[in-house]
C-alpha atoms as a PDB file:
ATOM      1  CA  MET A   1     -29.408   8.973   4.618  1.00  0.00           C
ATOM      2  CA  GLU A   2     -29.622  12.752   4.349  1.00  0.00           C
ATOM      3  CA  LYS A   3     -26.759  14.403   2.547  1.00  0.00           C
ATOM      4  CA  ASP A   4     -24.492  16.525   4.732  1.00  0.00           C
ATOM      5  CA  ARG A   5     -24.798  20.088   3.458  1.00  0.00           C
ATOM      6  CA  ARG A   6     -21.484  21.124   5.011  1.00  0.00           C
ATOM      7  CA  ILE A   7     -19.557  19.290   2.291  1.00  0.00           C
ATOM      8  CA  ASP A   8     -21.577  21.223  -0.292  1.00  0.00           C
ATOM      9  CA  GLU A   9     -20.660  24.457   1.507  1.00  0.00           C
ATOM     10  CA  VAL A  10     -16.962  23.568   1.429  1.00  0.00           C
ATOM     11  CA  ILE A  11     -17.076  22.707  -2.274  1.00  0.00           C
ATOM     12  CA  SER A  12     -19.014  25.896  -3.031  1.00  0.00           C
ATOM     13  CA  ARG A  13     -16.419  27.999  -1.179  1.00  0.00           C
ATOM     14  CA  LEU A  14     -13.618  26.196  -3.017  1.00  0.00           C
ATOM     15  CA  ARG A  15     -15.266  26.990  -6.345  1.00  0.00           C
ATOM     16  CA  GLN A  16     -15.699  30.651  -5.367  1.00  0.00           C
ATOM     17  CA  PHE A  17     -12.066  30.871  -4.248  1.00  0.00           C
ATOM     18  CA  ARG A  18     -10.859  29.210  -7.476  1.00  0.00           C
ATOM     19  CA  ASP A  19     -13.105  31.192  -9.807  1.00  0.00           C
ATOM     20  CA  ALA A  20     -12.312  34.572  -8.205  1.00  0.00           C
ATOM     21  CA  ARG A  21      -8.679  33.923  -9.163  1.00  0.00           C
ATOM     22  CA  ASP A  22      -9.401  32.393 -12.591  1.00  0.00           C
ATOM     23  CA  TRP A  23      -7.581  29.192 -11.557  1.00  0.00           C
ATOM     24  CA  SER A  24     -10.059  26.661 -12.967  1.00  0.00           C
ATOM     25  CA  LYS A  25      -7.942  26.277 -16.104  1.00  0.00           C
ATOM     26  CA  PHE A  26      -5.060  25.047 -13.924  1.00  0.00           C
ATOM     27  CA  HIS A  27      -7.148  22.546 -11.946  1.00  0.00           C
ATOM     28  CA  THR A  28      -6.941  19.579 -14.292  1.00  0.00           C
ATOM     29  CA  PRO A  29      -7.476  16.130 -12.772  1.00  0.00           C
ATOM     30  CA  LYS A  30      -3.754  15.416 -13.243  1.00  0.00           C
ATOM     31  CA  ASP A  31      -2.635  18.594 -11.514  1.00  0.00           C
ATOM     32  CA  LEU A  32      -5.130  18.177  -8.688  1.00  0.00           C
ATOM     33  CA  ALA A  33      -3.923  14.602  -8.102  1.00  0.00           C
ATOM     34  CA  ILE A  34      -0.322  15.845  -8.101  1.00  0.00           C
ATOM     35  CA  SER A  35      -1.296  18.531  -5.591  1.00  0.00           C
ATOM     36  CA  VAL A  36      -2.896  15.921  -3.297  1.00  0.00           C
ATOM     37  CA  SER A  37       0.385  13.998  -3.329  1.00  0.00           C
ATOM     38  CA  ILE A  38       2.512  17.091  -2.699  1.00  0.00           C
ATOM     39  CA  GLU A  39       0.350  18.170   0.229  1.00  0.00           C
ATOM     40  CA  ALA A  40       0.354  14.608   1.627  1.00  0.00           C
ATOM     41  CA  GLY A  41       4.157  14.755   1.519  1.00  0.00           C
ATOM     42  CA  GLU A  42       4.096  17.999   3.489  1.00  0.00           C
ATOM     43  CA  LEU A  43       1.815  16.327   6.040  1.00  0.00           C
ATOM     44  CA  LEU A  44       4.182  13.355   6.316  1.00  0.00           C
ATOM     45  CA  GLU A  45       7.103  15.688   6.879  1.00  0.00           C
ATOM     46  CA  LEU A  46       5.535  16.806  10.162  1.00  0.00           C
ATOM     47  CA  PHE A  47       5.763  13.196  11.427  1.00  0.00           C
ATOM     48  CA  GLN A  48       9.201  12.393  10.074  1.00  0.00           C
ATOM     49  CA  TRP A  49      11.694  11.192  12.710  1.00  0.00           C
ATOM     50  CA  ARG A  50       9.067  11.107  15.482  1.00  0.00           C
ATOM     51  CA  GLY A  51       9.364   7.528  16.719  1.00  0.00           C
ATOM     52  CA  ASP A  52       6.302   5.311  16.506  1.00  0.00           C
ATOM     53  CA  GLY A  53       3.876   8.183  15.992  1.00  0.00           C
ATOM     54  CA  HIS A  54       1.641   7.537  18.984  1.00  0.00           C
ATOM     55  CA  ASP A  55       2.880  10.484  21.047  1.00  0.00           C
ATOM     56  CA  THR A  56       0.834  13.412  19.782  1.00  0.00           C
ATOM     57  CA  GLY A  57       1.658  15.725  22.669  1.00  0.00           C
ATOM     58  CA  ALA A  58       4.714  17.195  20.973  1.00  0.00           C
ATOM     59  CA  LEU A  59       2.981  17.695  17.624  1.00  0.00           C
ATOM     60  CA  ASN A  60       2.069  21.131  16.386  1.00  0.00           C
ATOM     61  CA  LYS A  61      -1.573  20.272  15.772  1.00  0.00           C
ATOM     62  CA  ALA A  62      -2.228  23.562  13.978  1.00  0.00           C
ATOM     63  CA  LEU A  63       0.391  22.676  11.353  1.00  0.00           C
ATOM     64  CA  VAL A  64      -0.971  19.133  11.064  1.00  0.00           C
ATOM     65  CA  ALA A  65      -4.486  20.543  10.630  1.00  0.00           C
ATOM     66  CA  ASP A  66      -3.313  22.956   7.910  1.00  0.00           C
ATOM     67  CA  GLU A  67      -1.546  20.252   5.904  1.00  0.00           C
ATOM     68  CA  ALA A  68      -4.331  17.678   6.361  1.00  0.00           C
ATOM     69  CA  ALA A  69      -6.853  20.322   5.297  1.00  0.00           C
ATOM     70  CA  ASP A  70      -4.805  20.999   2.144  1.00  0.00           C
ATOM     71  CA  VAL A  71      -4.933  17.271   1.309  1.00  0.00           C
ATOM     72  CA  LEU A  72      -8.693  17.271   1.901  1.00  0.00           C
ATOM     73  CA  LEU A  73      -9.307  20.425  -0.133  1.00  0.00           C
ATOM     74  CA  TYR A  74      -7.331  19.257  -3.166  1.00  0.00           C
ATOM     75  CA  THR A  75      -9.081  15.880  -2.935  1.00  0.00           C
ATOM     76  CA  LEU A  76     -12.477  17.592  -2.862  1.00  0.00           C
ATOM     77  CA  MET A  77     -11.492  19.703  -5.870  1.00  0.00           C
ATOM     78  CA  LEU A  78     -10.527  16.512  -7.709  1.00  0.00           C
ATOM     79  CA  PHE A  79     -13.885  14.888  -6.901  1.00  0.00           C
ATOM     80  CA  ASP A  80     -15.654  18.061  -8.020  1.00  0.00           C
ATOM     81  CA  ARG A  81     -13.698  18.284 -11.291  1.00  0.00           C
ATOM     82  CA  LEU A  82     -14.595  14.659 -12.074  1.00  0.00           C
ATOM     83  CA  GLY A  83     -18.262  15.117 -11.144  1.00  0.00           C
ATOM     84  CA  LEU A  84     -18.060  12.630  -8.273  1.00  0.00           C
ATOM     85  CA  ASP A  85     -19.803  12.947  -4.922  1.00  0.00           C
ATOM     86  CA  PRO A  86     -17.099  12.617  -2.247  1.00  0.00           C
ATOM     87  CA  ILE A  87     -19.472  11.289   0.423  1.00  0.00           C
ATOM     88  CA  ASP A  88     -20.969   8.666  -1.896  1.00  0.00           C
ATOM     89  CA  GLU A  89     -17.498   7.590  -3.000  1.00  0.00           C
ATOM     90  CA  ALA A  90     -16.186   7.412   0.575  1.00  0.00           C
ATOM     91  CA  LEU A  91     -19.146   5.284   1.674  1.00  0.00           C
ATOM     92  CA  ARG A  92     -18.738   3.047  -1.387  1.00  0.00           C
ATOM     93  CA  LYS A  93     -15.052   2.553  -0.560  1.00  0.00           C
ATOM     94  CA  ILE A  94     -15.798   1.718   3.086  1.00  0.00           C
ATOM     95  CA  SER A  95     -18.263  -0.945   1.918  1.00  0.00           C
ATOM     96  CA  LYS A  96     -15.685  -2.329  -0.480  1.00  0.00           C
ATOM     97  CA  ASN A  97     -13.079  -2.442   2.319  1.00  0.00           C
ATOM     98  CA  GLU A  98     -15.533  -4.216   4.640  1.00  0.00           C
ATOM     99  CA  ASP A  99     -15.800  -6.985   2.040  1.00  0.00           C
ATOM    100  CA  ARG A 100     -12.078  -6.996   1.319  1.00  0.00           C
ATOM    101  CA  PHE A 101     -10.996  -7.087   4.977  1.00  0.00           C
ATOM    102  CA  PRO A 102     -13.492  -9.239   6.889  1.00  0.00           C
ATOM    103  CA  VAL A 103     -13.273  -8.917  10.672  1.00  0.00           C
ATOM    104  CA  SER A 104     -12.880 -12.677  11.041  1.00  0.00           C
ATOM    105  CA  LYS A 105      -9.600 -12.573   9.107  1.00  0.00           C
ATOM    106  CA  THR A 106      -8.196  -9.167   9.998  1.00  0.00           C
ATOM    107  CA  PHE A 107      -9.107  -8.417  13.626  1.00  0.00           C
ATOM    108  CA  GLY A 108      -6.024  -7.082  15.421  1.00  0.00           C
ATOM    109  CA  LYS A 109      -3.756  -7.600  12.408  1.00  0.00           C
ATOM    110  CA  ALA A 110      -1.993  -4.736  10.623  1.00  0.00           C
ATOM    111  CA  GLY A 111      -0.576  -6.731   7.720  1.00  0.00           C
ATOM    112  CA  LYS A 112      -2.180  -8.603   4.869  1.00  0.00           C
ATOM    113  CA  PHE A 113      -4.050 -11.763   5.732  1.00  0.00           C
END
């Protein structure tokens, strides 16, 4: 499978953004992981008190996109700091989940089997 170059472009732009501001020294794995969690909390806040969550018509999708992008960007910075390929790791995790949650035991079920 050919590697998607867009992810490389995003990581390159993140590095440029970080380095232009001399922020690399602040981007420790611990602080990046904390930042992922903080941004995920901000994303969750947009859904708080919204019923079952299936009605997306009333959502401000621009705000959701901004917060979800922050989660993604901090996650990519964490992968980069640790020298991990985010696409390889995502595909590895999907494979692991396919083994962990076989269709025959989990189809149509949201809880643990």
